[in-house]
Protein backbone atom coordinates (compact mmCIF):
# COMPACT_ATOMS: atom_id res chain seq x y z
CA MET A 1 -13.51 1.78 10.49
CA LYS A 2 -15.68 -0.12 7.63
CA GLN A 3 -15.23 -3.45 10.00
CA ARG A 4 -15.40 -3.48 13.98
CA ALA A 5 -11.83 -4.93 15.41
CA ASN A 6 -13.05 -7.81 17.77
CA VAL A 7 -10.55 -7.48 21.02
CA LEU A 8 -10.13 -9.55 24.26
CA VAL A 9 -9.52 -8.07 27.25
CA VAL A 10 -8.21 -10.17 30.40
CA ASP A 11 -7.72 -8.64 33.82
CA ASP A 12 -9.18 -10.03 37.10
CA GLU A 13 -9.60 -6.49 38.73
CA PRO A 14 -13.05 -6.12 37.81
CA ASN A 15 -12.85 -2.11 37.85
CA ILE A 16 -9.48 -2.07 35.33
CA LEU A 17 -11.64 -4.47 33.41
CA LYS A 18 -14.86 -2.60 33.31
CA THR A 19 -12.72 0.43 32.35
CA LEU A 20 -11.12 -1.19 29.47
CA LYS A 21 -14.45 -2.41 28.14
CA ILE A 22 -16.08 1.03 28.35
CA GLY A 23 -13.19 2.46 26.92
CA LEU A 24 -12.47 0.71 23.75
CA GLU A 25 -16.12 0.02 22.76
CA THR A 26 -16.50 4.18 22.89
CA ILE A 27 -13.93 3.92 19.83
CA GLY A 28 -16.14 1.21 18.29
CA LEU A 29 -14.13 -1.32 18.96
CA ASN A 30 -15.84 -4.85 19.58
CA VAL A 31 -14.92 -5.85 23.38
CA ASN A 32 -14.98 -9.27 25.06
CA GLY A 33 -13.69 -9.10 28.90
CA PHE A 34 -13.02 -11.50 31.04
CA LEU A 35 -12.13 -11.91 34.58
CA ASN A 36 -10.29 -15.05 34.82
CA PRO A 37 -7.60 -16.07 31.90
CA LEU A 38 -8.93 -19.73 31.64
CA ASP A 39 -12.31 -18.59 31.08
CA ALA A 40 -10.68 -16.10 28.11
CA LEU A 41 -8.50 -19.18 26.82
CA ASP A 42 -11.64 -21.33 26.22
CA THR A 43 -13.04 -18.69 23.73
CA LEU A 44 -9.99 -18.42 21.84
CA LYS A 45 -9.81 -19.65 17.94
CA ASP A 46 -7.42 -19.09 15.56
CA GLY A 47 -7.91 -15.48 14.31
CA ASN A 48 -11.05 -14.77 16.19
CA TYR A 49 -9.77 -11.64 18.33
CA ASP A 50 -7.76 -9.16 16.39
CA ILE A 51 -6.21 -7.76 19.49
CA ALA A 52 -5.57 -8.65 23.13
CA PHE A 53 -4.85 -6.87 26.18
CA ILE A 54 -3.68 -9.30 28.73
CA ASP A 55 -2.94 -8.30 32.69
CA LEU A 56 0.13 -9.65 33.75
CA MET A 57 -0.56 -10.33 37.19
CA MET A 58 -3.16 -12.68 37.19
CA GLN A 59 -4.51 -16.18 38.88
CA PRO A 60 -4.72 -18.76 38.31
CA ILE A 61 -2.59 -18.22 35.64
CA ASP A 62 -0.23 -15.39 34.76
CA GLY A 63 -0.36 -12.95 31.49
CA MET A 64 2.74 -14.55 30.31
CA GLN A 65 1.25 -18.06 30.14
CA VAL A 66 -1.90 -16.69 28.71
CA LEU A 67 0.32 -14.47 26.04
CA LYS A 68 2.10 -17.95 25.22
CA GLU A 69 -1.52 -19.60 24.56
CA ILE A 70 -2.34 -16.86 22.37
CA ARG A 71 0.47 -16.89 19.99
CA ALA A 72 0.46 -20.65 19.89
CA LYS A 73 -3.20 -20.64 19.05
CA SER A 74 -4.12 -17.17 17.33
CA PRO A 75 -0.93 -16.30 16.02
CA THR A 76 -2.40 -13.47 13.84
CA THR A 77 -3.70 -11.63 17.14
CA THR A 78 -1.72 -8.88 18.10
CA CYS A 79 -0.90 -8.66 21.92
CA VAL A 80 -0.65 -5.83 24.36
CA ILE A 81 0.16 -6.34 28.02
CA ILE A 82 -1.19 -4.39 30.95
CA THR A 83 1.23 -3.81 33.60
CA ALA A 84 1.17 -1.85 36.78
CA HIS A 85 4.35 0.25 37.81
CA GLY A 86 7.48 -1.56 39.10
CA SER A 87 7.10 -4.47 36.32
CA ILE A 88 8.66 -3.15 33.50
CA ASP A 89 11.06 -5.75 33.33
CA SER A 90 8.35 -8.69 33.22
CA ALA A 91 6.68 -6.44 30.30
CA VAL A 92 10.09 -5.89 28.42
CA ASP A 93 10.00 -9.90 28.63
CA ALA A 94 6.54 -10.39 27.67
CA ILE A 95 7.69 -7.96 24.51
CA LYS A 96 10.46 -10.41 23.56
CA GLY A 97 7.73 -13.28 24.14
CA GLY A 98 5.73 -12.01 21.15
CA ALA A 99 3.80 -9.01 22.78
CA PHE A 100 3.38 -5.90 20.29
CA ASP A 101 3.32 -3.22 23.26
CA PHE A 102 2.77 -2.55 26.94
CA ILE A 103 0.28 -0.08 28.86
CA GLN A 104 1.03 1.08 31.95
CA LYS A 105 -1.60 1.24 34.97
CA PRO A 106 -3.04 3.35 36.10
CA PHE A 107 -4.09 5.52 32.86
CA ASP A 108 -6.78 7.81 31.41
CA LEU A 109 -9.05 7.25 28.68
CA LYS A 110 -7.49 9.61 26.39
CA GLU A 111 -4.38 7.75 26.46
CA LEU A 112 -6.36 4.05 26.36
CA HIS A 113 -7.79 5.41 23.08
CA LEU A 114 -4.37 6.96 21.62
CA PHE A 115 -2.49 3.54 22.61
CA ALA A 116 -5.51 1.36 20.84
CA GLU A 117 -5.11 3.45 17.92
CA LYS A 118 -1.67 2.91 17.91
CA VAL A 119 -2.42 -1.26 18.24
CA LEU A 120 -5.07 -1.34 15.75
CA ASP A 121 -2.72 0.31 12.99
CA TYR A 122 -0.13 -1.90 13.89
CA HIS A 123 -2.67 -5.03 13.45
CA LYS A 124 -3.97 -3.90 10.63
CA LEU A 125 -0.40 -3.32 8.89
CA GLN A 126 0.45 -7.00 9.46
CA ASP A 127 -2.97 -8.32 8.15
CA GLU A 128 -1.76 -6.40 5.00
CA ILE A 129 1.88 -7.62 5.10
CA ASP A 130 0.65 -11.23 5.61
CA THR A 131 -1.85 -10.87 2.54
CA LEU A 132 0.85 -9.51 0.31
CA ARG A 133 3.10 -12.10 1.60
CA ARG A 134 0.52 -14.82 0.35
CA GLN A 135 0.13 -12.78 -3.23
CA LEU A 136 4.01 -12.57 -3.26
CA ALA A 137 4.25 -16.25 -2.98
CA ALA A 138 1.50 -16.72 -5.62
CA ILE A 139 3.25 -14.80 -8.41
CA ARG A 140 4.12 -16.76 -11.25
CA PRO A 141 7.75 -17.42 -11.82
CA GLU A 142 7.75 -16.97 -15.40
CA SER A 143 8.51 -13.47 -14.26
CA ASN A 144 10.75 -11.35 -11.56
CA ILE A 145 8.81 -8.36 -12.10
CA ILE A 146 6.84 -7.91 -9.19
CA THR A 147 3.63 -5.86 -9.09
CA SER A 148 -0.21 -6.03 -8.35
CA ASN A 149 -0.38 -2.43 -9.87
CA PRO A 150 -3.09 -2.46 -12.38
CA ALA A 151 -1.47 -0.04 -14.91
CA MET A 152 1.91 -1.95 -14.45
CA ARG A 153 0.41 -5.71 -15.08
CA GLN A 154 -1.37 -3.68 -18.11
CA GLN A 155 2.05 -3.26 -19.65
CA VAL A 156 3.38 -6.64 -18.73
CA GLU A 157 0.73 -8.20 -20.41
CA PHE A 158 1.35 -5.87 -23.44
CA ALA A 159 4.88 -6.70 -23.12
CA LYS A 160 4.24 -10.21 -23.45
CA GLN A 161 1.71 -10.27 -26.51
CA VAL A 162 4.58 -8.18 -28.53
CA ALA A 163 7.10 -10.73 -27.75
CA ASP A 164 7.32 -12.93 -30.61
CA SER A 165 7.29 -9.79 -33.40
CA LEU A 166 10.07 -8.45 -34.65
CA LEU A 167 8.77 -5.04 -34.01
CA THR A 168 11.31 -2.74 -32.08
CA VAL A 169 9.51 -1.72 -28.98
CA LEU A 170 10.67 1.51 -27.14
CA ILE A 171 10.38 1.19 -23.10
CA GLU A 172 9.83 4.50 -21.28
CA GLY A 173 10.13 5.12 -17.58
CA GLU A 174 11.87 6.98 -15.03
CA SER A 175 15.38 5.54 -13.94
CA GLY A 176 14.86 2.42 -11.65
CA THR A 177 11.46 1.16 -12.85
CA GLY A 178 12.51 -1.64 -14.45
CA LYS A 179 12.91 -1.22 -18.05
CA GLU A 180 15.64 -3.37 -18.14
CA LEU A 181 13.76 -5.82 -16.38
CA ILE A 182 10.72 -5.46 -19.13
CA ALA A 183 12.80 -5.87 -21.89
CA GLN A 184 14.44 -9.33 -20.66
CA TYR A 185 11.14 -10.30 -19.86
CA ILE A 186 9.80 -9.49 -23.67
CA HIS A 187 12.96 -11.60 -24.65
CA SER A 188 12.18 -14.64 -22.02
CA GLN A 189 8.63 -14.91 -23.71
CA SER A 190 9.93 -14.33 -27.51
CA ASN A 191 11.10 -17.92 -29.55
CA ARG A 192 14.37 -15.79 -29.34
CA ALA A 193 14.61 -16.59 -25.55
CA ASP A 194 17.44 -19.51 -26.38
CA LYS A 195 19.03 -16.72 -28.60
CA PRO A 196 21.50 -14.19 -26.87
CA PHE A 197 20.31 -11.04 -24.73
CA ILE A 198 22.67 -8.34 -25.15
CA LYS A 199 22.47 -5.08 -23.64
CA ILE A 200 24.53 -1.66 -23.77
CA ASN A 201 23.86 1.61 -21.95
CA SER A 202 23.97 4.16 -24.75
CA ALA A 203 24.96 7.05 -22.18
CA ALA A 204 27.85 4.96 -20.61
CA LEU A 205 30.05 4.91 -23.67
CA PRO A 206 31.82 8.08 -25.40
CA GLU A 207 30.96 8.68 -28.66
CA ASN A 208 33.96 7.51 -30.31
CA LEU A 209 33.65 4.12 -28.73
CA LEU A 210 29.86 3.68 -29.14
CA GLU A 211 30.07 3.18 -32.88
CA SER A 212 32.47 0.28 -32.40
CA GLU A 213 30.73 -1.17 -29.35
CA LEU A 214 27.30 -1.24 -31.40
CA PHE A 215 28.86 -2.22 -35.11
CA GLY A 216 32.56 -3.60 -34.34
CA HIS A 217 35.75 -2.69 -35.91
CA VAL A 218 38.54 -3.85 -38.31
CA LYS A 219 42.34 -3.51 -37.40
CA GLY A 220 43.70 -0.36 -37.78
CA SER A 221 40.69 1.43 -38.42
CA PHE A 222 41.66 4.02 -35.38
CA THR A 223 44.18 4.33 -32.98
CA GLY A 224 43.77 1.54 -30.80
CA ALA A 225 42.24 -1.06 -32.96
CA PHE A 226 44.97 -3.64 -32.48
CA LYS A 227 42.66 -6.23 -33.85
CA ASP A 228 39.11 -7.06 -35.39
CA ARG A 229 36.52 -6.93 -33.21
CA GLU A 230 32.82 -7.66 -33.79
CA GLY A 231 30.06 -5.26 -32.15
CA ARG A 232 26.94 -6.05 -30.31
CA PHE A 233 24.91 -6.48 -33.43
CA GLU A 234 26.82 -9.68 -34.28
CA ALA A 235 27.13 -10.79 -30.51
CA ALA A 236 23.07 -10.59 -30.65
CA ASP A 237 22.71 -12.63 -33.89
CA GLY A 238 19.34 -14.58 -33.46
CA GLY A 239 18.83 -12.91 -30.33
CA THR A 240 17.62 -9.51 -28.67
CA LEU A 241 19.72 -6.05 -28.17
CA PHE A 242 18.79 -3.92 -25.72
CA LEU A 243 19.64 -0.29 -26.16
CA ASP A 244 19.53 1.70 -22.89
CA GLU A 245 19.33 5.13 -22.96
CA ILE A 246 18.93 5.63 -26.51
CA ALA A 247 18.27 9.25 -26.39
CA ASP A 248 22.00 9.66 -25.47
CA ILE A 249 23.11 8.21 -28.81
CA PRO A 250 25.20 10.45 -31.05
CA PRO A 251 23.71 11.75 -34.59
CA ALA A 252 26.39 9.35 -36.39
CA SER A 253 25.39 6.33 -34.42
CA GLN A 254 21.69 7.34 -34.61
CA ALA A 255 22.12 7.32 -38.76
CA LYS A 256 23.67 3.57 -38.78
CA LEU A 257 20.82 2.31 -36.53
CA LEU A 258 18.35 3.59 -38.60
CA ARG A 259 19.40 1.85 -41.18
CA PHE A 260 20.00 -1.28 -39.47
CA LEU A 261 16.25 -1.28 -38.22
CA GLN A 262 15.16 -0.29 -42.04
CA HIS A 263 17.27 -2.92 -43.89
CA ARG A 264 19.07 -4.88 -41.11
CA GLU A 265 22.47 -4.45 -42.09
CA PHE A 266 25.34 -2.69 -41.26
CA GLU A 267 29.64 -2.28 -41.99
CA ARG A 268 32.00 -2.40 -39.07
CA ILE A 269 34.13 0.65 -38.66
CA GLY A 270 36.65 0.37 -41.47
CA GLU A 271 35.47 -2.21 -43.46
CA ASN A 272 33.30 -1.93 -46.71
CA ILE A 273 32.02 -5.64 -46.28
CA THR A 274 28.19 -5.39 -45.67
CA ARG A 275 26.91 -7.58 -42.98
CA LYS A 276 23.36 -8.92 -41.93
CA VAL A 277 21.94 -10.57 -38.64
CA ASP A 278 18.73 -11.12 -37.10
CA VAL A 279 18.44 -8.98 -34.19
CA ARG A 280 14.88 -7.82 -32.31
CA VAL A 281 15.87 -4.41 -31.20
CA ILE A 282 14.55 -3.07 -27.75
CA ALA A 283 15.06 0.50 -27.02
CA ALA A 284 14.95 2.54 -23.72
CA THR A 285 14.81 5.91 -22.30
CA ASN A 286 14.27 7.69 -18.91
CA LYS A 287 13.95 10.95 -21.24
CA LYS A 288 11.27 12.30 -23.05
CA LEU A 289 11.97 11.82 -26.69
CA SER A 290 9.54 14.27 -27.75
CA ASP A 291 11.90 16.79 -26.27
CA SER A 292 14.96 15.40 -28.00
CA LEU A 293 13.05 16.11 -31.14
CA ARG A 294 12.44 19.41 -30.43
CA ASP A 295 15.95 20.42 -29.48
CA GLY A 296 17.35 18.81 -32.58
CA SER A 297 19.25 15.95 -30.76
CA PHE A 298 17.54 13.05 -31.78
CA ARG A 299 16.30 12.16 -35.38
CA GLU A 300 12.57 12.38 -36.36
CA ASP A 301 12.92 9.43 -38.89
CA LEU A 302 14.34 6.92 -36.14
CA TYR A 303 12.25 8.06 -33.38
CA TYR A 304 9.09 6.95 -35.68
CA ARG A 305 11.13 3.71 -36.53
CA ILE A 306 11.90 2.35 -32.67
CA ASN A 307 8.03 3.71 -31.85
CA THR A 308 6.73 1.12 -33.29
CA VAL A 309 5.48 -0.83 -30.03
CA ARG A 310 5.79 1.74 -26.61
CA ILE A 311 5.84 0.56 -23.48
CA SER A 312 5.41 3.30 -20.32
CA LEU A 313 6.44 2.16 -16.86
CA PRO A 314 4.81 4.20 -13.99
CA PRO A 315 7.00 5.18 -11.07
CA LEU A 316 7.04 3.50 -8.05
CA ARG A 317 5.39 6.45 -6.47
CA GLU A 318 1.79 5.73 -8.63
CA ARG A 319 2.46 2.17 -7.43
CA ALA A 320 1.51 2.39 -3.35
CA GLU A 321 0.26 -1.21 -3.75
CA ASP A 322 3.75 -2.50 -4.90
CA VAL A 323 5.78 -0.90 -2.11
CA LEU A 324 4.85 -3.74 0.48
CA LEU A 325 4.73 -6.56 -1.85
CA LEU A 326 8.39 -5.22 -3.09
CA LEU A 327 9.88 -4.59 0.53
CA HIS A 328 8.75 -8.26 1.26
CA HIS A 329 10.04 -9.40 -2.12
CA PHE A 330 13.79 -7.92 -1.25
CA LEU A 331 13.63 -9.04 2.71
CA LYS A 332 13.45 -12.59 0.53
CA LYS A 333 16.17 -12.03 -1.83
CA PHE A 334 18.63 -10.49 1.13
CA SER A 335 18.07 -13.03 3.63
CA PRO A 336 16.62 -15.73 2.35
CA ASP A 337 17.53 -18.15 5.16
CA LEU A 338 16.17 -15.62 8.19
CA GLN A 339 12.77 -14.22 9.09
CA ILE A 340 13.78 -10.59 9.23
CA GLU A 341 11.00 -8.04 10.41
CA ILE A 342 10.12 -4.50 9.75
CA ALA A 343 9.21 -2.37 13.09
CA PRO A 344 6.19 -0.38 12.51
CA GLU A 345 7.84 2.87 12.83
CA ALA A 346 10.41 2.11 10.20
CA LEU A 347 7.45 0.34 8.04
CA LYS A 348 5.58 3.44 8.18
CA MET A 349 8.58 5.52 6.98
CA LEU A 350 9.19 2.99 3.96
CA THR A 351 5.34 3.34 2.97
CA ALA A 352 5.45 6.72 3.06
CA TYR A 353 8.35 7.78 1.53
CA SER A 354 8.03 9.05 -2.55
CA TRP A 355 10.74 6.79 -4.02
CA PRO A 356 12.40 9.23 -6.35
CA GLY A 357 15.07 6.66 -7.09
CA ASN A 358 12.09 4.03 -7.82
CA ILE A 359 12.44 0.35 -7.33
CA ARG A 360 16.59 0.51 -7.72
CA GLU A 361 16.41 2.92 -4.82
CA LEU A 362 14.11 0.84 -2.58
CA GLU A 363 16.15 -2.42 -3.04
CA ASN A 364 19.20 -0.74 -2.44
CA VAL A 365 17.46 0.73 1.14
CA MET A 366 16.64 -2.94 2.04
CA GLU A 367 20.32 -4.42 0.76
CA ARG A 368 21.60 -1.90 3.59
CA ALA A 369 18.62 -2.69 6.26
CA VAL A 370 19.28 -6.05 5.83
CA LEU A 371 23.04 -5.68 6.38
CA LEU A 372 22.36 -3.32 9.51
CA ALA A 373 19.66 -5.48 11.43
CA LYS A 374 20.30 -6.73 14.60
CA GLN A 375 18.07 -9.45 16.22
CA ASN A 376 16.29 -10.24 12.88
CA LEU A 377 14.44 -6.67 13.50
CA ILE A 378 14.78 -3.33 10.83
CA ASP A 379 14.07 -0.44 12.72
CA VAL A 380 14.37 3.09 12.27
CA SER A 381 18.38 3.69 12.77
CA HIS A 382 18.92 1.16 9.73
CA LEU A 383 17.10 3.48 7.21
CA PRO A 384 18.89 6.43 5.34
CA SER A 385 18.41 9.76 6.99
CA GLU A 386 16.31 10.62 3.77
CA LEU A 387 13.60 8.19 4.65
CA GLN A 388 13.54 9.22 8.49
CA ASN A 389 13.00 13.17 7.70
CA PRO A 390 12.40 13.53 3.87
CA GLU A 391 11.48 17.22 4.28
CA GLN A 392 14.25 17.68 6.51
CA ALA A 393 16.70 16.44 4.49
CA LYS A 394 16.17 18.60 1.33
CA ALA A 395 16.22 21.39 3.57
CA GLY A 396 19.31 20.39 5.59
CA LEU A 397 17.09 20.60 8.79
CA LEU A 398 16.53 18.01 11.63
CA SER A 399 13.06 17.47 13.27
CA LEU A 400 12.86 17.71 16.73
CA GLU A 401 12.55 13.95 17.12
CA ALA A 402 15.90 13.55 15.43
CA ILE A 403 17.32 15.51 17.83
CA GLU A 404 15.76 13.65 20.44
CA ARG A 405 17.16 10.42 19.33
CA GLN A 406 20.68 11.94 18.86
CA HIS A 407 20.36 13.43 22.35
CA ILE A 408 19.30 10.10 24.08
CA SER A 409 21.76 8.29 21.73
CA ARG A 410 24.19 10.23 23.00
CA VAL A 411 23.41 9.99 26.48
CA LEU A 412 23.05 6.36 26.52
CA LYS A 413 26.88 6.06 24.99
CA ILE A 414 28.12 8.33 28.15
CA VAL A 415 25.78 6.78 31.32
CA GLN A 416 26.80 3.71 32.81
CA ASP A 417 23.25 2.22 33.62
CA LEU A 418 19.40 2.77 32.30
CA ASP A 419 18.49 4.14 35.62
CA GLU A 420 21.22 7.23 35.21
CA ALA A 421 20.26 7.87 31.73
CA SER A 422 16.86 8.48 33.24
CA LYS A 423 17.55 10.62 35.74
CA VAL A 424 19.70 12.76 33.17
CA LEU A 425 17.05 12.90 30.57
CA ASN A 426 14.20 13.71 33.49
CA ILE A 427 12.04 10.80 32.51
CA ASP A 428 10.92 7.78 33.99
CA PRO A 429 12.38 4.11 32.76
CA ALA A 430 9.09 3.39 30.96
CA THR A 431 9.20 6.65 28.97
CA LEU A 432 13.03 5.85 28.31
CA TRP A 433 12.13 2.24 27.30
CA ARG A 434 9.61 3.31 24.75
CA LYS A 435 11.81 6.25 23.23
CA ARG A 436 14.68 3.74 22.64
CA LYS A 437 12.53 1.27 21.04
CA LYS A 438 10.91 3.74 19.03
CA TYR A 439 14.13 5.13 17.72
CA GLY A 440 15.82 1.97 17.61
CA LEU A 441 18.64 2.40 19.93
CA GLN A 442 18.11 -0.87 21.87
CA ASP A 443 21.05 -3.21 22.75
């Protein structure tokens, strides 16, 4: 750790207090211990303790009251409960009251160290989330582009600089990296912002329809042409035309597009009248156009014409600092009236995942998770299998944890109560409670 975490320990048993203090200090934590809970509360200031260990049964006030005071006076402090065997129900109530977890007496030094490291990891994560929430709130409303990544911010700034020119822009990036969002941003920052922004996906239309969509046609020019129709270039007059997946444009349409970019003119299919429009073209591709040049599927002269200004968007796996920002952006988007939280285990999976589908995949995952979330908490069970077990999902295998989760879930559905489930699984109730929480199997 770069900075020692400050820890508050409150326990009216001198031996337990001494054991906790020594055990936590041996792993580099700065510990302040109190036998009297009232004395501990007198030292409390907002944020002066990172973690608080609170015994449940104390005098003159109990751990639940101490927890309530800490939550009110120092909401950023991560609280854990110290409980004796037989007080699990009270510990569960404490967690419902805002405690992160509980540790059961008696415990050995190794167990304490592992538990403390887990709590500290959670606290650091929550601290980072709070920082990111402030960053998210500070993002300028002029753009829907959520990023703190230097490379991405550089590309956004470049997009703003070229917005007012007539130069054709080529946006490169994997699927889901936000190419259309950048194109819309360029349009919104240009002097064409009050004019149309027309988009067309070149890969979504068959070759015989794409040319008509772009340039229009006249009645009777081909089977099904029952009336004159203007194309997207005419619809975008004065504004911007966004050509997505430009690498998939067939050769005939490439020639017409090149002519438009050179002379700003075209003809509708079946018509000899030359039309001129004032349209700024922004193109995008998730492929390497240099490969299309080599295999002859893309014209070299068109490539150099559209490659006047190139913007390259990094994939989300290279923007690790943006994942948490985007997670909370989509939480706010899909649950504007609720304060939905993400369970620590689920958050670890979300931040560890490589996101091959980039921002689009992350958005879809969060929309699904918000829909499935119970009690305003997204847990592991609300995430797709590829996030829970990314490597095993590739191989079609399950991890031991996944098998354990399935088995516990099956037992819980069959038995009458948790006591019976503990006996069937041959584990004590506290262990079962922890595993239910870990795997998101709580009611």
